[in-house]
Structures are given as structure tokens and as C-alpha cells.
């Protein structure tokens, strides 16, 4: 079931992942969370994007982070 409200869509996606019984408890829900955060971030100025499973930068491995276009090291141009 797809919903137009971002939070409802997130919860539906989480339920679908869990219902398979085949996903890992934590990291399998990163994709639905990133989608929710990206939906919210698209409405911000500047836009904010979520990226999950970031590399260790000296303080363990973060689950994810929020980035503005100015923080992108490489451009797609």
C-alpha cells in the first residue's frame, strides 16, 4: 500500500521490510529512513540529502548523515 504522506509511506515501507522476516534488524530500514529524510530535505533551502552507511571518520561509523549541495566534494557536472 502506497501513501502520499511521507511518514505514512515510511511506516508502510518499514512494515513491508519487517514482514519478510528476511532482513537485518537495523540496517535494512536505512533505505526507508533515507527516503523519508530526503523527502523532508527537498523542501529545505538549501536542499538537504541523507546518505546512509557512512565511512568511519574517527568516531566510529555513523548510521548516516545529512548533507547540503555545498558539502559534496565532487560535482556531477
PDB file of N, CA and C in Angstrom:
ATOM      1  N   UNK A   1       0.847  -1.180   0.000  1.00  0.00           N
ATOM      2  CA  UNK A   1       0.000   0.000   0.000  1.00  0.00           C
ATOM      3  C   UNK A   1       0.887   1.237   0.000  1.00  0.00           C
ATOM      4  N   UNK A   2       0.654   2.141  -0.938  1.00  0.00           N
ATOM      5  CA  UNK A   2       1.445   3.354  -1.035  1.00  0.00           C
ATOM      6  C   UNK A   2       0.623   4.533  -0.551  1.00  0.00           C
ATOM      7  N   UNK A   3       1.239   5.365   0.256  1.00  0.00           N
ATOM      8  CA  UNK A   3       0.560   6.525   0.795  1.00  0.00           C
ATOM      9  C   UNK A   3       1.229   7.784   0.276  1.00  0.00           C
ATOM     10  N   UNK A   4       0.469   8.875   0.189  1.00  0.00           N
ATOM     11  CA  UNK A   4       1.044  10.121  -0.285  1.00  0.00           C
ATOM     12  C   UNK A   4       1.757  10.885   0.829  1.00  0.00           C
ATOM     13  N   UNK A   5       1.446  10.615   2.072  1.00  0.00           N
ATOM     14  CA  UNK A   5       2.116  11.303   3.176  1.00  0.00           C
ATOM     15  C   UNK A   5       3.464  10.624   3.435  1.00  0.00           C
ATOM     16  N   UNK A   6       4.551  11.395   3.477  1.00  0.00           N
ATOM     17  CA  UNK A   6       5.883  10.789   3.625  1.00  0.00           C
ATOM     18  C   UNK A   6       6.041   9.906   4.865  1.00  0.00           C
ATOM     19  N   UNK A   7       5.485  10.310   5.990  1.00  0.00           N
ATOM     20  CA  UNK A   7       5.621   9.499   7.198  1.00  0.00           C
ATOM     21  C   UNK A   7       4.847   8.187   7.072  1.00  0.00           C
ATOM     22  N   UNK A   8       3.655   8.243   6.507  1.00  0.00           N
ATOM     23  CA  UNK A   8       2.871   7.021   6.300  1.00  0.00           C
ATOM     24  C   UNK A   8       3.580   6.091   5.319  1.00  0.00           C
ATOM     25  N   UNK A   9       4.167   6.655   4.278  1.00  0.00           N
ATOM     26  CA  UNK A   9       4.909   5.841   3.311  1.00  0.00           C
ATOM     27  C   UNK A   9       6.113   5.179   3.978  1.00  0.00           C
ATOM     28  N   UNK A  10       6.797   5.926   4.837  1.00  0.00           N
ATOM     29  CA  UNK A  10       7.938   5.385   5.578  1.00  0.00           C
ATOM     30  C   UNK A  10       7.508   4.205   6.455  1.00  0.00           C
ATOM     31  N   UNK A  11       6.438   4.398   7.207  1.00  0.00           N
ATOM     32  CA  UNK A  11       5.963   3.329   8.092  1.00  0.00           C
ATOM     33  C   UNK A  11       5.501   2.107   7.301  1.00  0.00           C
ATOM     34  N   UNK A  12       4.826   2.329   6.181  1.00  0.00           N
ATOM     35  CA  UNK A  12       4.414   1.215   5.320  1.00  0.00           C
ATOM     36  C   UNK A  12       5.627   0.435   4.817  1.00  0.00           C
ATOM     37  N   UNK A  13       6.659   1.180   4.399  1.00  0.00           N
ATOM     38  CA  UNK A  13       7.869   0.533   3.880  1.00  0.00           C
ATOM     39  C   UNK A  13       8.580  -0.254   4.976  1.00  0.00           C
ATOM     40  N   UNK A  14       8.649   0.310   6.180  1.00  0.00           N
ATOM     41  CA  UNK A  14       9.258  -0.412   7.307  1.00  0.00           C
ATOM     42  C   UNK A  14       8.499  -1.696   7.609  1.00  0.00           C
ATOM     43  N   UNK A  15       7.188  -1.618   7.621  1.00  0.00           N
ATOM     44  CA  UNK A  15       6.365  -2.813   7.874  1.00  0.00           C
ATOM     45  C   UNK A  15       6.607  -3.872   6.807  1.00  0.00           C
ATOM     46  N   UNK A  16       6.689  -3.445   5.548  1.00  0.00           N
ATOM     47  CA  UNK A  16       6.913  -4.393   4.453  1.00  0.00           C
ATOM     48  C   UNK A  16       8.273  -5.076   4.596  1.00  0.00           C
ATOM     49  N   UNK A  17       9.309  -4.304   4.946  1.00  0.00           N
ATOM     50  CA  UNK A  17      10.631  -4.892   5.150  1.00  0.00           C
ATOM     51  C   UNK A  17      10.588  -5.934   6.266  1.00  0.00           C
ATOM     52  N   UNK A  18      10.020  -5.551   7.397  1.00  0.00           N
ATOM     53  CA  UNK A  18       9.968  -6.452   8.552  1.00  0.00           C
ATOM     54  C   UNK A  18       9.115  -7.687   8.279  1.00  0.00           C
ATOM     55  N   UNK A  19       8.051  -7.520   7.505  1.00  0.00           N
ATOM     56  CA  UNK A  19       7.124  -8.620   7.242  1.00  0.00           C
ATOM     57  C   UNK A  19       7.777  -9.767   6.476  1.00  0.00           C
ATOM     58  N   UNK A  20       8.862  -9.472   5.762  1.00  0.00           N
ATOM     59  CA  UNK A  20       9.536 -10.553   5.029  1.00  0.00           C
ATOM     60  C   UNK A  20      10.208 -11.535   5.969  1.00  0.00           C
ATOM     61  N   UNK A  21      10.612 -11.063   7.148  1.00  0.00           N
ATOM     62  CA  UNK A  21      11.341 -11.917   8.076  1.00  0.00           C
ATOM     63  C   UNK A  21      12.757 -12.206   7.617  1.00  0.00           C
ATOM     64  N   UNK A  22      13.186 -11.567   6.522  1.00  0.00           N
ATOM     65  CA  UNK A  22      14.487 -11.872   5.944  1.00  0.00           C
ATOM     66  C   UNK A  22      15.483 -10.722   6.038  1.00  0.00           C
ATOM     67  N   UNK A  23      15.138  -9.678   6.752  1.00  0.00           N
ATOM     68  CA  UNK A  23      16.011  -8.509   6.803  1.00  0.00           C
ATOM     69  C   UNK A  23      16.734  -8.411   8.139  1.00  0.00           C
ATOM     70  N   UNK A  24      17.832  -7.673   8.152  1.00  0.00           N
ATOM     71  CA  UNK A  24      18.561  -7.452   9.396  1.00  0.00           C
ATOM     72  C   UNK A  24      17.787  -6.450  10.244  1.00  0.00           C
ATOM     73  N   UNK A  25      17.900  -6.519  11.546  1.00  0.00           N
ATOM     74  CA  UNK A  25      17.090  -5.654  12.420  1.00  0.00           C
ATOM     75  C   UNK A  25      17.330  -4.160  12.225  1.00  0.00           C
ATOM     76  N   UNK A  26      18.565  -3.738  11.994  1.00  0.00           N
ATOM     77  CA  UNK A  26      18.835  -2.293  11.950  1.00  0.00           C
ATOM     78  C   UNK A  26      19.024  -1.773  10.530  1.00  0.00           C
ATOM     79  N   UNK A  27      19.987  -2.274   9.829  1.00  0.00           N
ATOM     80  CA  UNK A  27      20.384  -1.641   8.572  1.00  0.00           C
ATOM     81  C   UNK A  27      19.370  -1.799   7.441  1.00  0.00           C
ATOM     82  N   UNK A  28      18.489  -2.752   7.529  1.00  0.00           N
ATOM     83  CA  UNK A  28      17.506  -2.931   6.462  1.00  0.00           C
ATOM     84  C   UNK A  28      16.526  -1.765   6.393  1.00  0.00           C
ATOM     85  N   UNK A  29      16.412  -1.006   7.461  1.00  0.00           N
ATOM     86  CA  UNK A  29      15.481   0.122   7.467  1.00  0.00           C
ATOM     87  C   UNK A  29      16.156   1.440   7.095  1.00  0.00           C
ATOM     88  N   UNK A  30      17.425   1.390   6.708  1.00  0.00           N
ATOM     89  CA  UNK A  30      18.128   2.595   6.278  1.00  0.00           C
ATOM     90  C   UNK A  30      17.504   3.188   5.016  1.00  0.00           C
ATOM     91  N   UNK A  31      17.145   2.363   4.060  1.00  0.00           N
ATOM     92  CA  UNK A  31      16.576   2.879   2.801  1.00  0.00           C
ATOM     93  C   UNK A  31      15.261   3.624   3.032  1.00  0.00           C
ATOM     94  N   UNK A  32      14.324   3.064   3.795  1.00  0.00           N
ATOM     95  CA  UNK A  32      13.105   3.827   4.064  1.00  0.00           C
ATOM     96  C   UNK A  32      13.377   5.123   4.832  1.00  0.00           C
ATOM     97  N   UNK A  33      14.323   5.093   5.767  1.00  0.00           N
ATOM     98  CA  UNK A  33      14.650   6.297   6.523  1.00  0.00           C
ATOM     99  C   UNK A  33      15.272   7.351   5.616  1.00  0.00           C
ATOM    100  N   UNK A  34      16.183   6.944   4.748  1.00  0.00           N
ATOM    101  CA  UNK A  34      16.800   7.895   3.812  1.00  0.00           C
ATOM    102  C   UNK A  34      15.743   8.513   2.909  1.00  0.00           C
ATOM    103  N   UNK A  35      14.790   7.712   2.443  1.00  0.00           N
ATOM    104  CA  UNK A  35      13.725   8.245   1.591  1.00  0.00           C
ATOM    105  C   UNK A  35      12.883   9.284   2.334  1.00  0.00           C
ATOM    106  N   UNK A  36      12.562   9.013   3.591  1.00  0.00           N
ATOM    107  CA  UNK A  36      11.798   9.965   4.402  1.00  0.00           C
ATOM    108  C   UNK A  36      12.577  11.261   4.598  1.00  0.00           C
ATOM    109  N   UNK A  37      13.847  11.135   4.972  1.00  0.00           N
ATOM    110  CA  UNK A  37      14.667  12.323   5.199  1.00  0.00           C
ATOM    111  C   UNK A  37      14.895  13.116   3.913  1.00  0.00           C
ATOM    112  N   UNK A  38      15.047  12.426   2.792  1.00  0.00           N
ATOM    113  CA  UNK A  38      15.230  13.115   1.516  1.00  0.00           C
ATOM    114  C   UNK A  38      13.969  13.857   1.093  1.00  0.00           C
ATOM    115  N   UNK A  39      12.813  13.303   1.391  1.00  0.00           N
ATOM    116  CA  UNK A  39      11.560  13.989   1.093  1.00  0.00           C
ATOM    117  C   UNK A  39      11.466  15.278   1.897  1.00  0.00           C
ATOM    118  N   UNK A  40      11.782  15.192   3.181  1.00  0.00           N
ATOM    119  CA  UNK A  40      11.750  16.388   4.030  1.00  0.00           C
ATOM    120  C   UNK A  40      12.839  17.369   3.618  1.00  0.00           C
ATOM    121  N   UNK A  41      14.018  16.872   3.309  1.00  0.00           N
ATOM    122  CA  UNK A  41      15.143  17.718   2.956  1.00  0.00           C
ATOM    123  C   UNK A  41      14.976  18.454   1.641  1.00  0.00           C
ATOM    124  N   UNK A  42      14.170  17.907   0.744  1.00  0.00           N
ATOM    125  CA  UNK A  42      13.934  18.551  -0.550  1.00  0.00           C
ATOM    126  C   UNK A  42      13.159  19.858  -0.382  1.00  0.00           C
ATOM    127  N   UNK A  43      12.434  19.985   0.716  1.00  0.00           N
ATOM    128  CA  UNK A  43      11.643  21.192   0.961  1.00  0.00           C
ATOM    129  C   UNK A  43      12.454  22.288   1.646  1.00  0.00           C
ATOM    130  N   UNK A  44      13.678  21.974   2.048  1.00  0.00           N
ATOM    131  CA  UNK A  44      14.512  22.938   2.755  1.00  0.00           C
ATOM    132  C   UNK A  44      15.350  23.761   1.774  1.00  0.00           C
ATOM    133  N   UNK A  45      15.783  24.922   2.231  1.00  0.00           N
ATOM    134  CA  UNK A  45      16.687  25.748   1.433  1.00  0.00           C
ATOM    135  C   UNK A  45      17.904  26.038   2.278  1.00  0.00           C
ATOM    136  N   UNK A  46      19.083  25.556   1.946  1.00  0.00           N
ATOM    137  CA  UNK A  46      19.356  24.729   0.778  1.00  0.00           C
ATOM    138  C   UNK A  46      18.800  23.318   0.978  1.00  0.00           C
ATOM    139  N   UNK A  47      18.651  22.617  -0.125  1.00  0.00           N
ATOM    140  CA  UNK A  47      18.182  21.236  -0.060  1.00  0.00           C
ATOM    141  C   UNK A  47      19.144  20.409   0.779  1.00  0.00           C
ATOM    142  N   UNK A  48      18.608  19.426   1.462  1.00  0.00           N
ATOM    143  CA  UNK A  48      19.420  18.532   2.291  1.00  0.00           C
ATOM    144  C   UNK A  48      19.166  17.106   1.825  1.00  0.00           C
ATOM    145  N   UNK A  49      20.245  16.338   1.688  1.00  0.00           N
ATOM    146  CA  UNK A  49      20.116  14.931   1.291  1.00  0.00           C
ATOM    147  C   UNK A  49      20.693  14.038   2.377  1.00  0.00           C
ATOM    148  N   UNK A  50      20.060  12.908   2.561  1.00  0.00           N
ATOM    149  CA  UNK A  50      20.513  11.919   3.537  1.00  0.00           C
ATOM    150  C   UNK A  50      21.305  10.830   2.829  1.00  0.00           C
ATOM    151  N   UNK A  51      22.414  10.452   3.428  1.00  0.00           N
ATOM    152  CA  UNK A  51      23.210   9.333   2.941  1.00  0.00           C
ATOM    153  C   UNK A  51      23.466   8.422   4.129  1.00  0.00           C
ATOM    154  N   UNK A  52      23.267   7.135   3.912  1.00  0.00           N
ATOM    155  CA  UNK A  52      23.379   6.172   4.994  1.00  0.00           C
ATOM    156  C   UNK A  52      24.676   5.373   4.858  1.00  0.00           C
ATOM    157  N   UNK A  53      25.070   4.708   5.946  1.00  0.00           N
ATOM    158  CA  UNK A  53      26.261   3.847   5.994  1.00  0.00           C
ATOM    159  C   UNK A  53      27.514   4.612   5.607  1.00  0.00           C
ATOM    160  N   UNK A  54      27.797   5.675   6.335  1.00  0.00           N
ATOM    161  CA  UNK A  54      28.970   6.494   6.060  1.00  0.00           C
ATOM    162  C   UNK A  54      30.232   5.825   6.587  1.00  0.00           C
ATOM    163  N   UNK A  55      31.359   6.243   6.044  1.00  0.00           N
ATOM    164  CA  UNK A  55      32.632   5.660   6.482  1.00  0.00           C
ATOM    165  C   UNK A  55      33.039   6.212   7.847  1.00  0.00           C
ATOM    166  N   UNK A  56      33.905   5.476   8.501  1.00  0.00           N
ATOM    167  CA  UNK A  56      34.439   5.866   9.800  1.00  0.00           C
ATOM    168  C   UNK A  56      35.346   7.076   9.609  1.00  0.00           C
ATOM    169  N   UNK A  57      35.066   8.139  10.331  1.00  0.00           N
ATOM    170  CA  UNK A  57      35.881   9.340  10.253  1.00  0.00           C
ATOM    171  C   UNK A  57      36.522   9.644  11.604  1.00  0.00           C
ATOM    172  N   UNK A  58      36.803   8.600  12.359  1.00  0.00           N
ATOM    173  CA  UNK A  58      37.495   8.755  13.620  1.00  0.00           C
ATOM    174  C   UNK A  58      36.617   8.621  14.849  1.00  0.00           C
ATOM    175  N   UNK A  59      35.331   8.549  14.705  1.00  0.00           N
ATOM    176  CA  UNK A  59      34.434   8.427  15.855  1.00  0.00           C
ATOM    177  C   UNK A  59      33.470   7.287  15.664  1.00  0.00           C
ATOM    178  N   UNK A  60      33.950   6.182  15.146  1.00  0.00           N
ATOM    179  CA  UNK A  60      33.134   5.022  14.782  1.00  0.00           C
ATOM    180  C   UNK A  60      32.369   5.298  13.495  1.00  0.00           C
ATOM    181  N   UNK A  61      31.570   4.358  13.075  1.00  0.00           N
ATOM    182  CA  UNK A  61      30.850   4.503  11.816  1.00  0.00           C
ATOM    183  C   UNK A  61      29.453   5.051  12.088  1.00  0.00           C
ATOM    184  N   UNK A  62      29.152   6.243  11.572  1.00  0.00           N
ATOM    185  CA  UNK A  62      27.814   6.791  11.767  1.00  0.00           C
ATOM    186  C   UNK A  62      26.790   6.035  10.919  1.00  0.00           C
ATOM    187  N   UNK A  63      25.557   6.007  11.390  1.00  0.00           N
ATOM    188  CA  UNK A  63      24.491   5.369  10.625  1.00  0.00           C
ATOM    189  C   UNK A  63      24.217   6.139   9.337  1.00  0.00           C
ATOM    190  N   UNK A  64      24.303   7.444   9.417  1.00  0.00           N
ATOM    191  CA  UNK A  64      24.045   8.262   8.229  1.00  0.00           C
ATOM    192  C   UNK A  64      24.345   9.708   8.525  1.00  0.00           C
ATOM    193  N   UNK A  65      24.147  10.522   7.509  1.00  0.00           N
ATOM    194  CA  UNK A  65      24.399  11.946   7.676  1.00  0.00           C
ATOM    195  C   UNK A  65      23.540  12.756   6.726  1.00  0.00           C
ATOM    196  N   UNK A  66      23.415  14.032   7.034  1.00  0.00           N
ATOM    197  CA  UNK A  66      22.643  14.962   6.216  1.00  0.00           C
ATOM    198  C   UNK A  66      23.615  15.948   5.581  1.00  0.00           C
ATOM    199  N   UNK A  67      23.478  16.166   4.273  1.00  0.00           N
ATOM    200  CA  UNK A  67      24.417  16.982   3.532  1.00  0.00           C
ATOM    201  C   UNK A  67      23.694  17.968   2.626  1.00  0.00           C
ATOM    202  N   UNK A  68      24.252  19.166   2.534  1.00  0.00           N
ATOM    203  CA  UNK A  68      23.771  20.164   1.573  1.00  0.00           C
ATOM    204  C   UNK A  68      24.636  20.059   0.320  1.00  0.00           C
ATOM    205  N   UNK A  69      24.185  20.595  -0.811  1.00  0.00           N
ATOM    206  CA  UNK A  69      24.993  20.526  -2.038  1.00  0.00           C
ATOM    207  C   UNK A  69      26.396  21.116  -1.870  1.00  0.00           C
ATOM    208  N   UNK A  70      26.541  22.131  -1.041  1.00  0.00           N
ATOM    209  CA  UNK A  70      27.855  22.743  -0.829  1.00  0.00           C
ATOM    210  C   UNK A  70      28.839  21.786  -0.161  1.00  0.00           C
ATOM    211  N   UNK A  71      28.345  20.741   0.471  1.00  0.00           N
ATOM    212  CA  UNK A  71      29.206  19.780   1.153  1.00  0.00           C
ATOM    213  C   UNK A  71      29.651  18.638   0.248  1.00  0.00           C
ATOM    214  N   UNK A  72      29.134  18.570  -0.973  1.00  0.00           N
ATOM    215  CA  UNK A  72      29.526  17.500  -1.890  1.00  0.00           C
ATOM    216  C   UNK A  72      30.918  17.794  -2.395  1.00  0.00           C
ATOM    217  N   UNK A  73      31.791  16.827  -2.248  1.00  0.00           N
ATOM    218  CA  UNK A  73      33.178  17.010  -2.645  1.00  0.00           C
ATOM    219  C   UNK A  73      33.312  17.023  -4.169  1.00  0.00           C
ATOM    220  N   UNK A  74      32.493  16.245  -4.835  1.00  0.00           N
ATOM    221  CA  UNK A  74      32.564  16.132  -6.286  1.00  0.00           C
ATOM    222  C   UNK A  74      31.250  16.553  -6.897  1.00  0.00           C
ATOM    223  N   UNK A  75      31.318  17.216  -8.012  1.00  0.00           N
ATOM    224  CA  UNK A  75      30.121  17.664  -8.712  1.00  0.00           C
ATOM    225  C   UNK A  75      29.799  16.699  -9.841  1.00  0.00           C
ATOM    226  N   UNK A  76      28.547  16.585 -10.183  1.00  0.00           N
ATOM    227  CA  UNK A  76      28.139  15.718 -11.285  1.00  0.00           C
ATOM    228  C   UNK A  76      28.198  16.448 -12.619  1.00  0.00           C
ATOM    229  N   UNK A  77      28.705  17.676 -12.617  1.00  0.00           N
ATOM    230  CA  UNK A  77      28.809  18.473 -13.852  1.00  0.00           C
ATOM    231  C   UNK A  77      29.883  17.954 -14.754  1.00  0.00           C
TER     232      UNK A  77
END
